[in-house]
Amino acid sequence: MELFCERRPELIDTTAKVQAVQRRPQIHPEPVLEPDSVADGAGVSLYGTVLNGAGRLRMWYQAWPKNWQGGNADYVGYAESEDGITWNKPNLGLVDFGGADNNLV
């Protein structure tokens, strides 16, 4: 699967089954994902992916831990939503983060 950020005529011409569609984004006035745990308490950044599947949106995002002291933060958090506005961060139990419940992947 390849995601298109721009029109790619060389791919469209060769497959004849690809259609590039770009829609105007709708900007929500308030943040839809905020730092609220030990794993992402210093901040969240959607330098990641949102996919729609199985009737819900799934987001992978960069998580900045509460005790972050600067430098790289190599943590990826996971959240899911039914409407793209209200996001749930389920406890996944995949990454040991000082024994704390977290949604890190």
N, C-alpha and C. Protein backbone atom coordinates (compact mmCIF):
# COMPACT_ATOMS: atom_id res chain seq x y z
N MET A 1 0.84 -1.18 0.00
CA MET A 1 0.00 0.00 0.00
C MET A 1 0.88 1.24 0.00
N GLU A 2 0.57 2.18 -0.84
CA GLU A 2 1.30 3.44 -0.88
C GLU A 2 0.32 4.57 -0.69
N LEU A 3 0.64 5.48 0.22
CA LEU A 3 -0.20 6.65 0.44
C LEU A 3 0.30 7.79 -0.42
N PHE A 4 -0.62 8.53 -1.02
CA PHE A 4 -0.25 9.61 -1.92
C PHE A 4 -0.36 10.95 -1.21
N CYS A 5 0.69 11.73 -1.27
CA CYS A 5 0.65 13.10 -0.75
C CYS A 5 0.60 14.08 -1.91
N GLU A 6 0.80 13.60 -3.08
CA GLU A 6 0.74 14.42 -4.27
C GLU A 6 0.32 13.53 -5.42
N ARG A 7 -0.04 14.13 -6.49
CA ARG A 7 -0.45 13.37 -7.66
C ARG A 7 0.77 12.66 -8.26
N ARG A 8 0.63 11.38 -8.54
CA ARG A 8 1.73 10.58 -9.07
C ARG A 8 1.32 10.02 -10.43
N PRO A 9 1.42 10.79 -11.53
CA PRO A 9 0.93 10.34 -12.83
C PRO A 9 1.57 9.05 -13.31
N GLU A 10 2.84 8.82 -12.98
CA GLU A 10 3.49 7.59 -13.46
C GLU A 10 2.82 6.34 -12.88
N LEU A 11 2.31 6.43 -11.66
CA LEU A 11 1.60 5.29 -11.08
C LEU A 11 0.18 5.19 -11.61
N ILE A 12 -0.48 6.32 -11.72
CA ILE A 12 -1.86 6.33 -12.20
C ILE A 12 -1.91 5.83 -13.64
N ASP A 13 -0.97 6.26 -14.49
CA ASP A 13 -0.96 5.85 -15.89
C ASP A 13 -0.69 4.35 -16.05
N THR A 14 0.11 3.78 -15.16
CA THR A 14 0.45 2.36 -15.32
C THR A 14 -0.60 1.44 -14.73
N THR A 15 -1.32 1.86 -13.72
CA THR A 15 -2.30 0.96 -13.11
C THR A 15 -3.70 1.16 -13.65
N ALA A 16 -4.04 2.37 -14.02
CA ALA A 16 -5.37 2.73 -14.52
C ALA A 16 -6.47 2.45 -13.51
N LYS A 17 -6.12 2.09 -12.30
CA LYS A 17 -7.12 1.80 -11.27
C LYS A 17 -6.94 2.68 -10.04
N VAL A 18 -6.05 3.62 -10.10
CA VAL A 18 -5.75 4.48 -8.96
C VAL A 18 -6.35 5.85 -9.22
N GLN A 19 -7.02 6.38 -8.22
CA GLN A 19 -7.60 7.71 -8.33
C GLN A 19 -7.09 8.55 -7.18
N ALA A 20 -6.49 9.69 -7.47
CA ALA A 20 -6.00 10.59 -6.43
C ALA A 20 -7.09 11.58 -6.09
N VAL A 21 -7.46 11.66 -4.81
CA VAL A 21 -8.50 12.57 -4.35
C VAL A 21 -7.93 13.38 -3.19
N GLN A 22 -8.06 14.67 -3.26
CA GLN A 22 -7.60 15.52 -2.17
C GLN A 22 -8.78 16.35 -1.70
N ARG A 23 -9.04 16.29 -0.40
CA ARG A 23 -10.16 17.03 0.18
C ARG A 23 -9.62 18.15 1.06
N ARG A 24 -10.42 19.19 1.22
CA ARG A 24 -10.06 20.29 2.11
C ARG A 24 -10.20 19.80 3.55
N PRO A 25 -9.16 19.95 4.38
CA PRO A 25 -9.25 19.50 5.77
C PRO A 25 -10.19 20.37 6.58
N GLN A 26 -10.81 19.76 7.57
CA GLN A 26 -11.65 20.50 8.52
C GLN A 26 -10.84 20.65 9.80
N ILE A 27 -10.60 21.86 10.21
CA ILE A 27 -9.78 22.12 11.39
C ILE A 27 -10.67 22.22 12.62
N HIS A 28 -10.36 21.40 13.62
CA HIS A 28 -11.10 21.40 14.87
C HIS A 28 -10.49 22.47 15.79
N PRO A 29 -11.30 23.27 16.48
CA PRO A 29 -10.76 24.38 17.27
C PRO A 29 -9.96 23.96 18.50
N GLU A 30 -10.16 22.76 19.00
CA GLU A 30 -9.45 22.29 20.20
C GLU A 30 -8.64 21.04 19.86
N PRO A 31 -7.57 20.76 20.61
CA PRO A 31 -6.81 19.53 20.38
C PRO A 31 -7.70 18.30 20.58
N VAL A 32 -7.51 17.29 19.76
CA VAL A 32 -8.28 16.06 19.91
C VAL A 32 -7.50 15.00 20.67
N LEU A 33 -6.20 15.19 20.81
CA LEU A 33 -5.37 14.26 21.58
C LEU A 33 -4.44 15.08 22.46
N GLU A 34 -4.50 14.84 23.75
CA GLU A 34 -3.69 15.60 24.69
C GLU A 34 -2.86 14.68 25.56
N PRO A 35 -1.72 15.18 26.08
CA PRO A 35 -0.91 14.38 26.99
C PRO A 35 -1.63 14.22 28.33
N ASP A 36 -1.81 12.98 28.75
CA ASP A 36 -2.56 12.76 29.99
C ASP A 36 -2.10 11.51 30.76
N SER A 37 -0.87 11.05 30.49
CA SER A 37 -0.39 9.86 31.19
C SER A 37 1.11 9.98 31.42
N VAL A 38 1.68 9.04 32.14
CA VAL A 38 3.12 9.03 32.39
C VAL A 38 3.86 8.84 31.07
N ALA A 39 3.30 8.04 30.17
CA ALA A 39 3.97 7.73 28.90
C ALA A 39 3.98 8.89 27.92
N ASP A 40 3.00 9.81 28.02
CA ASP A 40 2.97 10.94 27.09
C ASP A 40 2.69 12.27 27.79
N GLY A 41 3.05 12.36 29.06
CA GLY A 41 2.72 13.54 29.87
C GLY A 41 3.41 14.82 29.47
N ALA A 42 4.53 14.75 28.74
CA ALA A 42 5.22 15.97 28.31
C ALA A 42 4.72 16.44 26.95
N GLY A 43 3.99 15.58 26.25
CA GLY A 43 3.44 16.02 24.97
C GLY A 43 3.15 14.87 24.03
N VAL A 44 2.30 15.16 23.08
CA VAL A 44 1.97 14.21 22.01
C VAL A 44 2.14 14.93 20.68
N SER A 45 2.57 14.20 19.69
CA SER A 45 2.78 14.78 18.38
C SER A 45 2.31 13.79 17.33
N LEU A 46 1.45 14.24 16.45
CA LEU A 46 0.97 13.33 15.41
C LEU A 46 1.96 13.34 14.25
N TYR A 47 3.14 12.89 14.55
CA TYR A 47 4.12 12.62 13.51
C TYR A 47 4.01 11.12 13.31
N GLY A 48 2.86 10.70 12.84
CA GLY A 48 2.57 9.29 12.75
C GLY A 48 1.50 9.00 11.73
N THR A 49 0.58 8.11 12.08
CA THR A 49 -0.38 7.59 11.12
C THR A 49 -1.76 7.47 11.73
N VAL A 50 -2.78 7.74 10.94
CA VAL A 50 -4.16 7.45 11.30
C VAL A 50 -4.73 6.60 10.17
N LEU A 51 -5.25 5.42 10.52
CA LEU A 51 -5.86 4.53 9.54
C LEU A 51 -7.29 4.24 9.95
N ASN A 52 -8.15 4.07 8.97
CA ASN A 52 -9.55 3.74 9.20
C ASN A 52 -9.74 2.27 8.86
N GLY A 53 -10.19 1.50 9.85
CA GLY A 53 -10.41 0.08 9.61
C GLY A 53 -11.26 -0.55 10.68
N ALA A 54 -12.07 -1.51 10.29
CA ALA A 54 -12.93 -2.25 11.22
C ALA A 54 -13.85 -1.32 11.99
N GLY A 55 -14.31 -0.24 11.33
CA GLY A 55 -15.27 0.66 11.96
C GLY A 55 -14.72 1.65 12.96
N ARG A 56 -13.40 1.77 13.03
CA ARG A 56 -12.82 2.76 13.94
C ARG A 56 -11.52 3.31 13.36
N LEU A 57 -11.16 4.49 13.84
CA LEU A 57 -9.91 5.12 13.46
C LEU A 57 -8.83 4.67 14.43
N ARG A 58 -7.65 4.39 13.90
CA ARG A 58 -6.52 3.96 14.73
C ARG A 58 -5.36 4.91 14.48
N MET A 59 -4.80 5.44 15.57
CA MET A 59 -3.73 6.43 15.47
C MET A 59 -2.47 5.92 16.18
N TRP A 60 -1.34 6.11 15.51
CA TRP A 60 -0.04 5.88 16.11
C TRP A 60 0.65 7.24 16.12
N TYR A 61 1.15 7.66 17.28
CA TYR A 61 1.69 9.02 17.43
C TYR A 61 2.95 9.00 18.26
N GLN A 62 3.72 10.09 18.20
CA GLN A 62 4.93 10.22 18.99
C GLN A 62 4.55 10.67 20.40
N ALA A 63 5.00 9.92 21.39
CA ALA A 63 4.69 10.21 22.79
C ALA A 63 5.94 10.74 23.49
N TRP A 64 5.77 11.84 24.22
CA TRP A 64 6.86 12.44 24.99
C TRP A 64 6.58 12.17 26.47
N PRO A 65 7.37 11.30 27.12
CA PRO A 65 7.08 10.91 28.51
C PRO A 65 7.12 12.07 29.49
N LYS A 66 6.39 11.89 30.57
CA LYS A 66 6.27 12.94 31.60
C LYS A 66 7.63 13.37 32.13
N ASN A 67 8.58 12.45 32.26
CA ASN A 67 9.90 12.77 32.81
C ASN A 67 10.91 13.11 31.71
N TRP A 68 10.45 13.47 30.53
CA TRP A 68 11.32 13.77 29.40
C TRP A 68 12.23 14.94 29.73
N GLN A 69 13.52 14.77 29.43
CA GLN A 69 14.52 15.80 29.74
C GLN A 69 15.09 16.45 28.48
N GLY A 70 14.46 16.28 27.36
CA GLY A 70 14.99 16.81 26.10
C GLY A 70 15.64 15.70 25.30
N GLY A 71 16.03 16.01 24.10
CA GLY A 71 16.61 14.99 23.23
C GLY A 71 15.52 14.17 22.56
N ASN A 72 15.93 13.06 22.00
CA ASN A 72 14.98 12.21 21.28
C ASN A 72 14.05 11.47 22.24
N ALA A 73 12.81 11.37 21.84
CA ALA A 73 11.83 10.55 22.57
C ALA A 73 11.35 9.50 21.58
N ASP A 74 11.85 8.30 21.72
CA ASP A 74 11.56 7.24 20.77
C ASP A 74 10.41 6.37 21.22
N TYR A 75 9.29 6.99 21.58
CA TYR A 75 8.12 6.24 22.01
C TYR A 75 6.97 6.48 21.04
N VAL A 76 6.26 5.43 20.74
CA VAL A 76 5.09 5.52 19.87
C VAL A 76 3.88 5.09 20.67
N GLY A 77 2.88 5.96 20.74
CA GLY A 77 1.64 5.66 21.44
C GLY A 77 0.56 5.24 20.44
N TYR A 78 -0.46 4.58 20.96
CA TYR A 78 -1.57 4.11 20.14
C TYR A 78 -2.88 4.62 20.74
N ALA A 79 -3.78 5.11 19.88
CA ALA A 79 -5.10 5.55 20.32
C ALA A 79 -6.12 5.15 19.26
N GLU A 80 -7.38 5.02 19.69
CA GLU A 80 -8.43 4.68 18.74
C GLU A 80 -9.67 5.54 18.99
N SER A 81 -10.45 5.73 17.92
CA SER A 81 -11.60 6.62 17.99
C SER A 81 -12.67 6.15 17.01
N GLU A 82 -13.91 6.46 17.33
CA GLU A 82 -15.00 6.17 16.41
C GLU A 82 -15.33 7.38 15.55
N ASP A 83 -15.00 8.60 16.03
CA ASP A 83 -15.39 9.80 15.31
C ASP A 83 -14.22 10.73 14.93
N GLY A 84 -13.00 10.42 15.36
CA GLY A 84 -11.85 11.26 15.06
C GLY A 84 -11.71 12.47 15.98
N ILE A 85 -12.65 12.64 16.90
CA ILE A 85 -12.61 13.77 17.85
C ILE A 85 -12.29 13.27 19.25
N THR A 86 -12.97 12.22 19.69
CA THR A 86 -12.74 11.63 21.00
C THR A 86 -11.87 10.39 20.84
N TRP A 87 -10.70 10.42 21.47
CA TRP A 87 -9.74 9.32 21.32
C TRP A 87 -9.56 8.59 22.64
N ASN A 88 -9.46 7.27 22.57
CA ASN A 88 -9.22 6.39 23.72
C ASN A 88 -7.81 5.83 23.59
N LYS A 89 -7.07 5.84 24.71
CA LYS A 89 -5.72 5.27 24.73
C LYS A 89 -5.77 3.99 25.57
N PRO A 90 -5.98 2.84 24.93
CA PRO A 90 -6.12 1.60 25.70
C PRO A 90 -4.79 1.15 26.30
N ASN A 91 -4.86 0.53 27.46
CA ASN A 91 -3.68 -0.06 28.08
C ASN A 91 -3.33 -1.32 27.29
N LEU A 92 -2.22 -1.29 26.58
CA LEU A 92 -1.84 -2.41 25.72
C LEU A 92 -0.95 -3.43 26.41
N GLY A 93 -0.15 -2.98 27.36
CA GLY A 93 0.76 -3.90 28.05
C GLY A 93 1.86 -4.46 27.16
N LEU A 94 2.25 -3.72 26.12
CA LEU A 94 3.27 -4.20 25.19
C LEU A 94 4.68 -3.72 25.55
N VAL A 95 4.78 -2.54 26.17
CA VAL A 95 6.07 -1.95 26.47
C VAL A 95 6.18 -1.73 27.98
N ASP A 96 7.28 -2.20 28.57
CA ASP A 96 7.50 -1.96 30.00
C ASP A 96 7.96 -0.51 30.16
N PHE A 97 7.18 0.27 30.87
CA PHE A 97 7.49 1.68 31.08
C PHE A 97 7.48 1.92 32.59
N GLY A 98 8.47 1.39 33.26
CA GLY A 98 8.58 1.55 34.70
C GLY A 98 7.41 0.95 35.47
N GLY A 99 6.79 -0.08 34.93
CA GLY A 99 5.68 -0.73 35.59
C GLY A 99 4.34 -0.02 35.43
N ALA A 100 4.32 1.12 34.75
CA ALA A 100 3.09 1.88 34.59
C ALA A 100 2.25 1.34 33.43
N ASP A 101 0.92 1.34 33.60
CA ASP A 101 0.02 1.02 32.50
C ASP A 101 0.26 2.04 31.40
N ASN A 102 0.26 1.59 30.14
CA ASN A 102 0.51 2.54 29.05
C ASN A 102 -0.05 2.01 27.73
N ASN A 103 -0.08 2.89 26.77
CA ASN A 103 -0.57 2.57 25.44
C ASN A 103 0.56 2.58 24.40
N LEU A 104 1.78 2.33 24.84
CA LEU A 104 2.94 2.35 23.95
C LEU A 104 3.03 1.07 23.12
N VAL A 105 3.52 1.25 21.89
CA VAL A 105 3.71 0.08 21.01
C VAL A 105 5.17 -0.07 20.64
